[in-house]
């Protein structure tokens, strides 16, 4: 084997190498041309693409748009001539609504919240109060945690629970007693009797359960304003929906539904049931129409969302598609109040978001 070089010889060789490097470094090299000149020499098709930073993944693409309601069903739902015709029309309209609910669109939360707001507003007007949808939004968004939202705000909270919790949980006696208290009256004994009556009627058909539950609330409860609330929950449970869809409260608020009595004549009861079936048919069609409108708006929102640069923009868009309205103070992980405000302003500039109050302060935003 060859002998290893002495350390002194290696040191001399290293010194010679360093001297050689110094001589090379002392040579004057021509100055490199600026990048603008080099860039002009590169063909356009060979230049590297400048990629923008990707935002947080969005909830996902929209499914196929919802089909509109046929004209014949829309016309027939207004004035059915008999109980059989009313049952057929209501069953057809609710079947179309059931098909929509089972598609689980990404804007389903927003859709249910809007229906809940409309139901709460009509219920509030039915008891003689003056709060409209804008005042109900203020009661929820502009009240500190733990403070009272007022009688009208409590009714909105009841309807929001109906679209946020499983219907079987909302129909438990304790839950019904709590919701009836939000409607203004709590009677645990009457709620227990009502819960037993609803349980005894659970084996009937879906449409029959729904109409019967409306009459049972009028008969056994001191809160007639809660009859649409309970019947919508019964409808959701009978159809197997994960969450209720508020439907007939606006129609009931227009009148025509009297308190049920134990020994009323058969023609009066039949007339009321025809009106209830017609109301459910019209309400189902109205809910489908709202879903078509919100589906289009949600699609435009999702198309504009990739233009947002904030890290939490995906979470904000998802929240907009699941809530009726938001404020800049709505807590979302990863974004501040000012970041929320900037996202809202950009979405308004894109034409896919609205400011719902018209105020310059305490603003509320929604699709």
Protein backbone atom coordinates (compact mmCIF):
# COMPACT_ATOMS: atom_id res chain seq x y z
CA UNK A 1 0.00 0.00 0.00
CA UNK A 2 1.25 3.57 -0.74
CA UNK A 3 2.38 5.54 2.28
CA UNK A 4 0.07 8.32 3.44
CA UNK A 5 1.28 11.84 2.74
CA UNK A 6 2.78 13.65 5.77
CA UNK A 7 0.63 16.33 7.38
CA UNK A 8 3.16 19.05 6.47
CA UNK A 9 2.91 18.13 2.81
CA UNK A 10 -0.90 18.36 3.00
CA UNK A 11 -0.64 21.79 4.62
CA UNK A 12 1.64 23.05 1.84
CA UNK A 13 -0.70 21.69 -0.79
CA UNK A 14 -3.64 23.46 0.91
CA UNK A 15 -1.73 26.74 0.99
CA UNK A 16 -0.92 26.45 -2.73
CA UNK A 17 -4.59 25.81 -3.46
CA UNK A 18 -5.66 28.90 -1.50
CA UNK A 19 -3.10 31.01 -3.34
CA UNK A 20 -4.39 29.69 -6.62
CA UNK A 21 -7.97 30.66 -5.60
CA UNK A 22 -6.85 34.15 -4.67
CA UNK A 23 -5.25 34.58 -8.08
CA UNK A 24 -8.47 33.50 -9.77
CA UNK A 25 -10.55 35.83 -7.63
CA UNK A 26 -8.29 38.76 -8.54
CA UNK A 27 -9.11 38.38 -12.22
CA UNK A 28 -11.63 40.95 -13.48
CA UNK A 29 -14.73 39.29 -14.91
CA UNK A 30 -17.25 41.03 -17.14
CA UNK A 31 -20.34 42.32 -15.33
CA UNK A 32 -23.44 40.11 -15.74
CA UNK A 33 -26.20 41.69 -17.79
CA UNK A 34 -29.31 42.77 -15.89
CA UNK A 35 -32.21 40.31 -15.55
CA UNK A 36 -34.44 42.37 -17.85
CA UNK A 37 -32.01 41.74 -20.75
CA UNK A 38 -31.80 38.03 -19.99
CA UNK A 39 -35.56 37.75 -19.68
CA UNK A 40 -36.04 39.32 -23.11
CA UNK A 41 -33.78 36.66 -24.59
CA UNK A 42 -35.94 33.76 -23.25
CA UNK A 43 -38.85 32.68 -25.48
CA UNK A 44 -42.28 33.31 -23.99
CA UNK A 45 -43.25 29.64 -24.00
CA UNK A 46 -40.13 28.74 -21.98
CA UNK A 47 -40.49 31.32 -19.21
CA UNK A 48 -41.43 29.89 -15.77
CA UNK A 49 -45.04 30.59 -14.76
CA UNK A 50 -45.57 32.85 -11.76
CA UNK A 51 -47.93 30.87 -9.51
CA UNK A 52 -50.12 32.58 -6.98
CA UNK A 53 -50.39 31.30 -3.46
CA UNK A 54 -53.30 28.89 -3.21
CA UNK A 55 -56.05 29.69 -0.68
CA UNK A 56 -57.43 27.20 1.78
CA UNK A 57 -59.45 24.46 0.04
CA UNK A 58 -63.08 25.42 -0.42
CA UNK A 59 -66.04 23.26 0.59
CA UNK A 60 -66.24 21.68 -2.89
CA UNK A 61 -68.07 22.13 -6.18
CA UNK A 62 -71.80 22.48 -6.42
CA UNK A 63 -73.86 19.55 -7.54
CA UNK A 64 -76.27 19.73 -10.45
CA UNK A 65 -78.74 22.62 -10.06
CA UNK A 66 -82.13 21.96 -8.49
CA UNK A 67 -84.93 21.36 -10.99
CA UNK A 68 -87.77 23.91 -10.84
CA UNK A 69 -91.26 22.92 -9.76
CA UNK A 70 -93.63 22.02 -12.62
CA UNK A 71 -96.20 24.67 -13.47
CA UNK A 72 -99.14 22.30 -13.00
CA UNK A 73 -98.11 21.51 -9.42
CA UNK A 74 -97.63 25.19 -8.63
CA UNK A 75 -101.14 25.99 -9.90
CA UNK A 76 -102.80 22.99 -8.27
CA UNK A 77 -101.31 23.69 -4.85
CA UNK A 78 -103.19 26.97 -4.42
CA UNK A 79 -106.78 25.69 -4.25
CA UNK A 80 -107.32 21.93 -4.04
CA UNK A 81 -110.97 20.97 -4.39
CA UNK A 82 -111.09 18.00 -2.02
CA UNK A 83 -109.18 16.30 0.78
CA UNK A 84 -107.97 13.58 -1.60
CA UNK A 85 -106.69 16.11 -4.11
CA UNK A 86 -105.01 18.13 -1.38
CA UNK A 87 -103.30 14.99 -0.04
CA UNK A 88 -102.03 14.09 -3.51
CA UNK A 89 -100.69 17.59 -4.19
CA UNK A 90 -99.06 17.89 -0.78
CA UNK A 91 -97.48 14.44 -1.15
CA UNK A 92 -96.10 15.34 -4.58
CA UNK A 93 -94.65 18.67 -3.42
CA UNK A 94 -93.16 17.17 -0.25
CA UNK A 95 -91.72 14.30 -2.30
CA UNK A 96 -89.89 16.82 -4.47
CA UNK A 97 -88.68 18.58 -1.34
CA UNK A 98 -87.52 15.26 0.12
CA UNK A 99 -85.44 14.63 -3.02
CA UNK A 100 -83.82 18.04 -2.55
CA UNK A 101 -83.10 17.53 1.15
CA UNK A 102 -81.41 14.16 0.56
CA UNK A 103 -78.96 15.70 -1.90
CA UNK A 104 -77.24 17.46 1.04
CA UNK A 105 -76.18 20.52 -0.91
CA UNK A 106 -73.30 22.50 0.58
CA UNK A 107 -75.60 25.50 1.01
CA UNK A 108 -78.22 23.48 2.94
CA UNK A 109 -77.30 25.18 6.22
CA UNK A 110 -77.81 28.64 4.73
CA UNK A 111 -81.10 27.49 3.17
CA UNK A 112 -82.48 26.14 6.45
CA UNK A 113 -81.34 29.23 8.37
CA UNK A 114 -83.15 31.53 5.93
CA UNK A 115 -86.33 29.48 6.27
CA UNK A 116 -85.97 29.56 10.06
CA UNK A 117 -85.60 33.35 9.99
CA UNK A 118 -88.74 33.72 7.87
CA UNK A 119 -90.69 31.39 10.18
CA UNK A 120 -89.54 33.26 13.27
CA UNK A 121 -90.47 36.63 11.77
CA UNK A 122 -94.00 35.50 10.90
CA UNK A 123 -94.43 33.87 14.32
CA UNK A 124 -93.37 37.10 16.00
CA UNK A 125 -95.89 39.08 13.97
CA UNK A 126 -98.60 36.56 14.77
CA UNK A 127 -98.32 37.27 18.49
CA UNK A 128 -98.52 41.01 17.86
CA UNK A 129 -94.88 42.07 18.01
CA UNK A 130 -93.25 44.40 15.47
CA UNK A 131 -89.79 42.86 14.96
CA UNK A 132 -88.97 42.01 11.35
CA UNK A 133 -86.16 39.87 9.94
CA UNK A 134 -83.64 42.71 10.23
CA UNK A 135 -84.50 43.25 13.91
CA UNK A 136 -84.21 39.52 14.57
CA UNK A 137 -80.74 39.47 13.03
CA UNK A 138 -79.74 42.40 15.24
CA UNK A 139 -81.04 40.58 18.30
CA UNK A 140 -78.74 37.65 17.59
CA UNK A 141 -75.61 39.37 16.29
CA UNK A 142 -75.55 42.53 18.40
CA UNK A 143 -76.18 40.94 21.79
CA UNK A 144 -73.32 39.90 24.02
CA UNK A 145 -73.00 36.29 25.08
CA UNK A 146 -75.12 35.68 28.13
CA UNK A 147 -77.38 38.72 27.63
CA UNK A 148 -81.07 38.39 26.86
CA UNK A 149 -82.02 38.53 23.18
CA UNK A 150 -85.61 39.49 24.00
CA UNK A 151 -88.86 37.59 23.34
CA UNK A 152 -88.54 37.84 19.56
CA UNK A 153 -84.92 36.71 19.67
CA UNK A 154 -85.91 33.71 21.79
CA UNK A 155 -88.35 32.61 19.10
CA UNK A 156 -85.61 32.84 16.49
CA UNK A 157 -83.35 30.74 18.74
CA UNK A 158 -86.11 28.11 18.94
CA UNK A 159 -86.37 27.91 15.15
CA UNK A 160 -82.58 27.80 14.86
CA UNK A 161 -82.49 24.85 17.23
CA UNK A 162 -85.04 23.11 15.01
CA UNK A 163 -82.69 23.33 12.01
CA UNK A 164 -79.51 22.61 13.98
CA UNK A 165 -80.51 19.57 16.06
CA UNK A 166 -81.94 16.17 15.07
CA UNK A 167 -85.76 16.29 15.07
CA UNK A 168 -86.09 13.34 17.46
CA UNK A 169 -84.03 15.28 20.02
CA UNK A 170 -86.19 18.39 19.63
CA UNK A 171 -89.35 16.33 20.22
CA UNK A 172 -88.30 15.04 23.64
CA UNK A 173 -90.55 16.34 26.45
CA UNK A 174 -87.75 18.35 28.08
CA UNK A 175 -86.76 19.93 24.77
CA UNK A 176 -90.38 20.75 23.88
CA UNK A 177 -90.89 22.38 27.27
CA UNK A 178 -87.81 24.56 26.70
CA UNK A 179 -88.92 25.58 23.22
CA UNK A 180 -92.48 26.34 24.38
CA UNK A 181 -90.98 28.61 27.02
CA UNK A 182 -89.19 30.46 24.23
CA UNK A 183 -92.55 30.85 22.53
CA UNK A 184 -93.82 32.54 25.69
CA UNK A 185 -95.51 29.83 27.76
CA UNK A 186 -94.17 26.77 29.56
CA UNK A 187 -96.53 24.06 30.81
CA UNK A 188 -94.75 20.81 31.65
CA UNK A 189 -98.00 18.89 32.22
CA UNK A 190 -99.43 19.92 28.86
CA UNK A 191 -96.12 19.10 27.16
CA UNK A 192 -96.14 15.61 28.70
CA UNK A 193 -99.67 14.97 27.40
CA UNK A 194 -98.70 16.30 23.98
CA UNK A 195 -95.56 14.14 23.85
CA UNK A 196 -97.62 11.04 24.63
CA UNK A 197 -100.15 11.92 21.94
CA UNK A 198 -97.39 12.47 19.37
CA UNK A 199 -95.81 9.13 20.30
CA UNK A 200 -99.14 7.33 19.89
CA UNK A 201 -99.48 8.79 16.39
CA UNK A 202 -95.92 7.88 15.29
CA UNK A 203 -97.03 4.84 13.25
CA UNK A 204 -99.26 6.80 10.86
CA UNK A 205 -98.16 7.95 7.41
CA UNK A 206 -95.82 10.90 7.07
CA UNK A 207 -98.48 13.33 5.84
CA UNK A 208 -101.04 12.16 8.38
CA UNK A 209 -98.53 12.48 11.23
CA UNK A 210 -97.72 16.03 10.18
CA UNK A 211 -101.31 17.24 9.94
CA UNK A 212 -102.38 15.40 13.08
CA UNK A 213 -99.48 16.89 15.07
CA UNK A 214 -100.60 20.40 14.12
CA UNK A 215 -104.07 19.67 15.50
CA UNK A 216 -102.66 17.96 18.59
CA UNK A 217 -100.70 21.07 19.52
CA UNK A 218 -103.83 23.18 19.15
CA UNK A 219 -105.78 20.74 21.30
CA UNK A 220 -103.31 19.97 24.11
CA UNK A 221 -101.03 23.00 24.31
CA UNK A 222 -101.50 26.59 25.42
CA UNK A 223 -99.05 27.72 22.72
CA UNK A 224 -100.90 27.68 19.39
CA UNK A 225 -98.01 29.61 17.79
CA UNK A 226 -95.86 26.49 18.26
CA UNK A 227 -98.11 24.28 16.08
CA UNK A 228 -96.09 24.93 12.87
CA UNK A 229 -92.88 24.37 14.84
CA UNK A 230 -93.96 20.93 16.07
CA UNK A 231 -95.52 19.83 12.77
CA UNK A 232 -92.33 20.72 10.86
CA UNK A 233 -90.34 18.60 13.33
CA UNK A 234 -92.78 15.71 12.92
CA UNK A 235 -92.49 16.00 9.14
CA UNK A 236 -88.69 15.82 9.35
CA UNK A 237 -88.82 12.80 11.65
CA UNK A 238 -91.37 11.01 9.46
CA UNK A 239 -89.28 11.55 6.30
CA UNK A 240 -86.04 10.62 8.05
CA UNK A 241 -84.33 13.98 7.54
CA UNK A 242 -81.27 14.81 9.61
CA UNK A 243 -82.58 18.32 10.33
CA UNK A 244 -86.00 19.95 10.08
CA UNK A 245 -87.00 22.31 7.27
CA UNK A 246 -89.23 25.20 8.50
CA UNK A 247 -92.18 25.42 6.13
CA UNK A 248 -95.72 26.45 7.04
CA UNK A 249 -95.31 29.16 9.69
CA UNK A 250 -95.66 31.97 7.08
CA UNK A 251 -98.88 30.43 5.76
CA UNK A 252 -100.32 29.90 9.23
CA UNK A 253 -99.55 33.51 10.15
CA UNK A 254 -101.83 34.67 7.33
CA UNK A 255 -104.84 33.22 9.17
CA UNK A 256 -107.46 30.63 8.33
CA UNK A 257 -106.42 28.11 11.00
CA UNK A 258 -108.65 28.07 14.06
CA UNK A 259 -108.07 26.28 17.32
CA UNK A 260 -109.12 22.65 17.20
CA UNK A 261 -111.91 21.60 19.56
CA UNK A 262 -112.71 18.12 20.72
CA UNK A 263 -116.21 17.92 19.22
CA UNK A 264 -116.05 20.09 16.13
CA UNK A 265 -118.18 19.19 13.11
CA UNK A 266 -116.54 16.98 10.51
CA UNK A 267 -116.89 19.54 7.66
CA UNK A 268 -114.95 22.16 9.65
CA UNK A 269 -112.17 19.71 10.46
CA UNK A 270 -111.96 18.58 6.84
CA UNK A 271 -111.79 22.17 5.63
CA UNK A 272 -108.93 22.94 8.00
CA UNK A 273 -107.02 19.83 6.92
CA UNK A 274 -107.42 20.81 3.26
CA UNK A 275 -105.99 24.23 4.09
CA UNK A 276 -103.09 22.68 5.99
CA UNK A 277 -102.27 20.31 3.13
CA UNK A 278 -102.43 23.17 0.65
CA UNK A 279 -100.20 25.24 2.95
CA UNK A 280 -97.62 22.47 3.08
CA UNK A 281 -97.68 22.09 -0.70
CA UNK A 282 -97.20 25.85 -1.22
CA UNK A 283 -94.51 25.98 1.48
CA UNK A 284 -92.58 23.08 -0.07
CA UNK A 285 -92.68 24.80 -3.47
CA UNK A 286 -91.54 28.07 -1.89
CA UNK A 287 -88.65 26.26 -0.18
CA UNK A 288 -87.59 24.71 -3.49
CA UNK A 289 -87.71 28.12 -5.17
CA UNK A 290 -85.50 29.55 -2.42
CA UNK A 291 -83.05 26.67 -2.86
CA UNK A 292 -82.75 27.44 -6.58
CA UNK A 293 -81.99 31.10 -5.84
CA UNK A 294 -79.48 30.30 -3.10
CA UNK A 295 -77.87 27.64 -5.28
CA UNK A 296 -77.13 30.20 -7.98
CA UNK A 297 -75.78 32.71 -5.46
CA UNK A 298 -73.63 30.05 -3.81
CA UNK A 299 -72.20 29.04 -7.16
CA UNK A 300 -71.13 32.64 -7.86
CA UNK A 301 -69.62 32.84 -4.37
CA UNK A 302 -67.56 29.70 -4.95
CA UNK A 303 -66.39 31.01 -8.31
CA UNK A 304 -65.13 34.22 -6.70
CA UNK A 305 -63.63 32.56 -3.61
CA UNK A 306 -60.26 31.58 -5.21
CA UNK A 307 -59.52 35.30 -5.62
CA UNK A 308 -59.31 35.65 -1.83
CA UNK A 309 -55.78 35.63 -0.42
CA UNK A 310 -56.44 35.18 3.29
CA UNK A 311 -55.43 31.86 4.82
CA UNK A 312 -58.84 31.32 6.42
CA UNK A 313 -60.85 32.35 3.35
CA UNK A 314 -62.05 28.79 2.86
CA UNK A 315 -63.43 28.69 6.40
CA UNK A 316 -65.18 32.04 5.88
CA UNK A 317 -66.81 30.86 2.65
CA UNK A 318 -67.91 27.64 4.33
CA UNK A 319 -69.42 29.67 7.18
CA UNK A 320 -71.28 31.90 4.73
CA UNK A 321 -72.79 28.79 3.13
CA UNK A 322 -73.97 27.44 6.48
CA UNK A 323 -75.32 30.55 8.23
CA UNK A 324 -77.96 33.11 7.38
CA UNK A 325 -75.63 36.02 8.13
CA UNK A 326 -72.28 36.90 9.70
CA UNK A 327 -70.54 39.89 11.19
CA UNK A 328 -66.87 40.76 11.21
CA UNK A 329 -66.81 39.66 14.86
CA UNK A 330 -68.02 36.13 14.10
CA UNK A 331 -65.32 33.86 15.59
CA UNK A 332 -63.47 31.84 12.93
CA UNK A 333 -60.15 30.17 13.67
CA UNK A 334 -57.19 31.70 11.84
CA UNK A 335 -58.58 35.13 11.00
CA UNK A 336 -59.07 38.40 12.86
CA UNK A 337 -61.96 40.80 12.81
CA UNK A 338 -60.15 43.06 10.38
CA UNK A 339 -59.33 40.13 8.13
CA UNK A 340 -63.02 39.18 8.07
CA UNK A 341 -63.92 42.74 7.17
CA UNK A 342 -61.48 42.75 4.25
CA UNK A 343 -62.86 39.45 2.95
CA UNK A 344 -66.42 40.76 3.16
CA UNK A 345 -65.50 43.94 1.30
CA UNK A 346 -63.80 41.98 -1.48
CA UNK A 347 -66.76 39.66 -1.85
CA UNK A 348 -69.09 42.65 -2.02
CA UNK A 349 -66.87 44.14 -4.74
CA UNK A 350 -67.17 40.84 -6.64
CA UNK A 351 -70.96 41.09 -6.37
CA UNK A 352 -71.42 37.80 -4.50
CA UNK A 353 -72.13 39.11 -0.97
CA UNK A 354 -74.55 41.67 0.44
CA UNK A 355 -74.51 43.99 3.40
CA UNK A 356 -77.96 43.35 4.89
CA UNK A 357 -78.55 46.40 7.10
CA UNK A 358 -77.58 49.46 5.08
CA UNK A 359 -75.71 50.83 8.09
CA UNK A 360 -72.19 52.20 8.15
CA UNK A 361 -71.49 50.54 11.51
CA UNK A 362 -72.54 47.24 13.11
CA UNK A 363 -72.81 45.75 9.66
CA UNK A 364 -74.19 42.28 8.94
CA UNK A 365 -73.32 40.32 5.81
CA UNK A 366 -74.99 37.45 3.99
CA UNK A 367 -75.22 35.66 0.65
